[in-house]
Amino acid sequence: MFLMLPLFAAPPAVRAESASEREHKIKAAFVYNFIKFIDWPQEKTPDKNKPITIGVVGSDTFVKAFDPVKNKQVKGRRLAIKRFGDWDKLKESQKKNDSAWKEKLEALKKCRVLFICSCESGKNKVPVEIIKALKGSGVLLVGEVPGFLEKGGVINFVTENKKVRFEVNSTSAKRNKLKIRSQLLKLAKRIYKEEPSEDAKN
């Protein structure tokens, strides 16, 4: 199992990196470990020979942050990292509801994990369009902005005392057909459960 990693604790080989680059590497390591403790629905993993795809909306830096783990295997599969471009461009395509957005949406749904970088989500605004579009798709939605869980994200990164931690929306996980094991839930800073809607109460 993994521990809460100090935000600014980096090995000597990467001391020259910026704080944001080190932070992205730490978060990439977390995502790698998340996969070990989350079970996806059977329809999400039909071919055992296919890689586990981690999609990234936004930062090239975050894509590069996976370099230390991208050649490793997790659950007997290799990792594939795919960048989906800037959030603003995706949003414009979504508004137009054009063929490019539909193709992109299908590609997003094929990911096991989708990480949405805060620097590309409209100055820390929650990308509700993507969250709604992927509702029930079996994709693990990971973010790093306040309010991400409340809008339907599954895991959100937070910083506490210069350490990267995470919080979980257990309701959204179930909605996306994801089973998060207790070992991971015990390490969450916060577990958020959505209030039932009025329709569900009646």
Protein backbone atom coordinates (compact mmCIF):
# COMPACT_ATOMS: atom_id res chain seq x y z
CA MET A 1 0.00 0.00 0.00
CA PHE A 2 1.11 3.59 -0.43
CA LEU A 3 1.38 6.41 2.07
CA MET A 4 0.44 10.08 1.87
CA LEU A 5 3.38 11.52 -0.03
CA PRO A 6 5.01 14.83 0.97
CA LEU A 7 4.28 17.38 -1.73
CA PHE A 8 7.82 18.70 -1.86
CA ALA A 9 9.67 15.50 -1.07
CA ALA A 10 11.53 14.54 -4.23
CA PRO A 11 14.55 12.32 -4.84
CA PRO A 12 17.86 14.10 -5.63
CA ALA A 13 17.55 13.30 -9.34
CA VAL A 14 14.49 15.53 -9.71
CA ARG A 15 15.40 18.42 -7.39
CA ALA A 16 15.80 20.72 -10.40
CA GLU A 17 12.13 20.29 -11.32
CA SER A 18 9.52 22.88 -10.45
CA ALA A 19 7.14 22.35 -7.56
CA SER A 20 4.24 21.79 -9.95
CA GLU A 21 6.18 19.14 -11.89
CA ARG A 22 7.00 17.29 -8.67
CA GLU A 23 3.39 17.55 -7.59
CA HIS A 24 2.22 16.05 -10.88
CA LYS A 25 4.64 13.12 -10.45
CA ILE A 26 3.26 12.45 -7.00
CA LYS A 27 -0.31 12.53 -8.30
CA ALA A 28 0.64 10.22 -11.18
CA ALA A 29 2.01 7.76 -8.61
CA PHE A 30 -1.26 7.98 -6.71
CA VAL A 31 -3.30 7.28 -9.85
CA TYR A 32 -1.12 4.26 -10.59
CA ASN A 33 -1.84 2.95 -7.10
CA PHE A 34 -5.56 3.77 -7.29
CA ILE A 35 -5.88 1.26 -10.13
CA LYS A 36 -4.67 -1.52 -7.85
CA PHE A 37 -7.52 -0.96 -5.40
CA ILE A 38 -10.45 -0.30 -7.73
CA ASP A 39 -12.51 -2.92 -9.56
CA TRP A 40 -14.14 -2.00 -12.87
CA PRO A 41 -17.25 -3.62 -14.37
CA GLN A 42 -16.67 -6.65 -16.55
CA GLU A 43 -17.77 -4.83 -19.71
CA LYS A 44 -14.97 -2.33 -19.12
CA THR A 45 -12.27 -5.02 -19.28
CA PRO A 46 -13.31 -7.51 -21.99
CA ASP A 47 -9.86 -8.04 -23.50
CA LYS A 48 -7.10 -8.88 -21.04
CA ASN A 49 -4.45 -8.14 -23.67
CA LYS A 50 -5.44 -4.49 -24.01
CA PRO A 51 -3.67 -1.85 -21.89
CA ILE A 52 -5.24 0.16 -19.11
CA THR A 53 -5.73 3.62 -20.58
CA ILE A 54 -5.30 6.71 -18.44
CA GLY A 55 -6.67 9.78 -20.19
CA VAL A 56 -5.45 13.28 -19.39
CA VAL A 57 -7.34 16.46 -20.17
CA GLY A 58 -4.91 19.35 -20.20
CA SER A 59 -1.36 19.52 -19.01
CA ASP A 60 1.52 18.00 -20.98
CA THR A 61 3.41 18.05 -17.69
CA PHE A 62 1.00 15.58 -16.19
CA VAL A 63 1.38 13.25 -19.18
CA LYS A 64 5.15 13.33 -18.69
CA ALA A 65 4.69 12.71 -14.99
CA PHE A 66 3.70 9.12 -15.83
CA ASP A 67 7.12 8.38 -17.33
CA PRO A 68 8.34 6.56 -14.16
CA VAL A 69 5.37 4.15 -14.19
CA LYS A 70 4.22 3.91 -17.81
CA ASN A 71 6.37 0.83 -18.50
CA LYS A 72 5.15 -0.95 -15.40
CA GLN A 73 2.24 -3.36 -15.29
CA VAL A 74 -0.76 -3.09 -13.02
CA LYS A 75 -3.27 -5.92 -12.67
CA GLY A 76 -1.28 -7.79 -15.29
CA ARG A 77 -1.63 -5.09 -17.93
CA ARG A 78 0.57 -2.33 -19.24
CA LEU A 79 -0.42 1.33 -18.99
CA ALA A 80 -1.27 3.57 -21.91
CA ILE A 81 -1.33 7.35 -21.36
CA LYS A 82 -3.48 9.40 -23.73
CA ARG A 83 -3.79 13.19 -23.79
CA PHE A 84 -7.12 14.62 -24.92
CA GLY A 85 -6.10 18.23 -25.41
CA ASP A 86 -7.06 21.42 -23.63
CA TRP A 87 -10.30 21.69 -21.71
CA ASP A 88 -11.34 24.89 -23.53
CA LYS A 89 -11.15 23.14 -26.91
CA LEU A 90 -13.11 20.15 -25.65
CA LYS A 91 -15.73 22.47 -24.21
CA GLU A 92 -16.17 24.34 -27.48
CA SER A 93 -16.53 21.07 -29.36
CA GLN A 94 -19.07 19.87 -26.80
CA LYS A 95 -21.14 23.04 -27.16
CA LYS A 96 -21.29 22.59 -30.92
CA ASN A 97 -22.15 18.90 -30.42
CA ASP A 98 -20.24 18.21 -33.62
CA SER A 99 -18.76 14.98 -34.91
CA ALA A 100 -15.40 15.79 -33.34
CA TRP A 101 -16.98 15.93 -29.88
CA LYS A 102 -18.86 12.67 -30.44
CA GLU A 103 -15.66 10.93 -31.50
CA LYS A 104 -13.78 12.40 -28.55
CA LEU A 105 -16.54 11.34 -26.16
CA GLU A 106 -16.35 7.75 -27.38
CA ALA A 107 -12.58 7.81 -26.85
CA LEU A 108 -13.04 9.25 -23.34
CA LYS A 109 -15.45 6.45 -22.47
CA LYS A 110 -12.84 3.85 -23.40
CA CYS A 111 -10.47 5.11 -20.69
CA ARG A 112 -10.30 3.41 -17.31
CA VAL A 113 -9.14 6.63 -15.67
CA LEU A 114 -9.59 10.25 -16.75
CA PHE A 115 -7.55 12.91 -14.97
CA ILE A 116 -8.66 16.52 -15.48
CA CYS A 117 -5.92 19.02 -14.67
CA SER A 118 -6.98 22.13 -12.79
CA CYS A 119 -4.86 24.41 -14.97
CA GLU A 120 -6.96 23.40 -17.96
CA SER A 121 -10.40 23.38 -16.39
CA GLY A 122 -11.21 27.08 -16.62
CA LYS A 123 -9.26 28.47 -13.66
CA ASN A 124 -10.30 25.82 -11.17
CA LYS A 125 -13.85 25.52 -12.44
CA VAL A 126 -15.32 22.02 -12.33
CA PRO A 127 -15.75 20.57 -15.86
CA VAL A 128 -19.36 19.51 -15.36
CA GLU A 129 -19.87 18.92 -19.08
CA ILE A 130 -17.37 16.06 -19.09
CA ILE A 131 -18.63 14.65 -15.79
CA LYS A 132 -22.22 14.58 -17.05
CA ALA A 133 -21.22 13.12 -20.41
CA LEU A 134 -19.36 10.25 -18.70
CA LYS A 135 -22.00 9.51 -16.06
CA GLY A 136 -22.42 5.76 -15.67
CA SER A 137 -19.66 5.03 -18.20
CA GLY A 138 -17.37 3.13 -15.83
CA VAL A 139 -14.63 5.78 -16.06
CA LEU A 140 -12.77 6.74 -12.88
CA LEU A 141 -12.97 10.56 -12.91
CA VAL A 142 -10.07 12.18 -11.04
CA GLY A 143 -9.70 15.92 -10.50
CA GLU A 144 -7.84 18.44 -8.41
CA VAL A 145 -10.25 21.34 -7.86
CA PRO A 146 -12.63 22.30 -5.02
CA GLY A 147 -16.16 21.07 -5.65
CA PHE A 148 -15.12 18.27 -8.00
CA LEU A 149 -16.78 15.59 -5.85
CA GLU A 150 -19.96 17.58 -5.34
CA LYS A 151 -20.38 17.86 -9.12
CA GLY A 152 -20.03 14.11 -9.63
CA GLY A 153 -16.29 13.41 -9.76
CA VAL A 154 -15.08 10.20 -8.10
CA ILE A 155 -11.67 11.13 -6.64
CA ASN A 156 -10.30 14.59 -5.98
CA PHE A 157 -6.77 15.56 -4.96
CA VAL A 158 -6.26 18.07 -2.15
CA THR A 159 -3.15 19.48 -0.51
CA GLU A 160 -2.80 19.44 3.27
CA ASN A 161 0.35 20.54 5.11
CA LYS A 162 2.33 20.29 1.86
CA LYS A 163 1.16 16.72 1.32
CA VAL A 164 -0.98 15.40 -1.50
CA ARG A 165 -4.09 13.68 -0.22
CA PHE A 166 -7.34 12.61 -1.82
CA GLU A 167 -11.07 12.49 -1.17
CA VAL A 168 -13.70 10.14 -2.59
CA ASN A 169 -17.30 10.45 -3.73
CA SER A 170 -18.62 6.98 -2.93
CA THR A 171 -22.01 7.68 -4.53
CA SER A 172 -20.43 8.69 -7.83
CA ALA A 173 -18.19 5.62 -7.71
CA LYS A 174 -21.24 3.36 -7.48
CA ARG A 175 -22.98 5.31 -10.23
CA ASN A 176 -19.97 4.68 -12.46
CA LYS A 177 -20.02 0.97 -11.55
CA LEU A 178 -16.72 1.19 -9.68
CA LYS A 179 -15.92 -0.78 -6.54
CA ILE A 180 -13.36 0.99 -4.37
CA ARG A 181 -11.74 -1.39 -1.92
CA SER A 182 -11.70 -0.62 1.79
CA GLN A 183 -7.89 -0.37 1.89
CA LEU A 184 -8.09 2.71 -0.33
CA LEU A 185 -11.13 4.24 1.35
CA LYS A 186 -9.35 4.11 4.72
CA LEU A 187 -6.67 6.45 3.38
CA ALA A 188 -9.10 9.04 2.01
CA LYS A 189 -9.13 12.40 3.74
CA ARG A 190 -12.88 12.62 3.18
CA ILE A 191 -15.59 10.31 1.88
CA TYR A 192 -18.45 12.25 0.35
CA LYS A 193 -21.89 10.74 -0.12
CA GLU A 194 -24.42 12.59 -2.22
CA GLU A 195 -27.80 13.36 -0.70
CA PRO A 196 -30.61 11.43 -2.41
CA SER A 197 -32.74 13.46 -4.79
CA GLU A 198 -36.34 14.31 -3.96
CA ASP A 199 -37.51 11.77 -6.56
CA ALA A 200 -35.47 9.04 -4.87
CA LYS A 201 -36.92 9.93 -1.45
CA ASN A 202 -40.53 9.62 -2.66
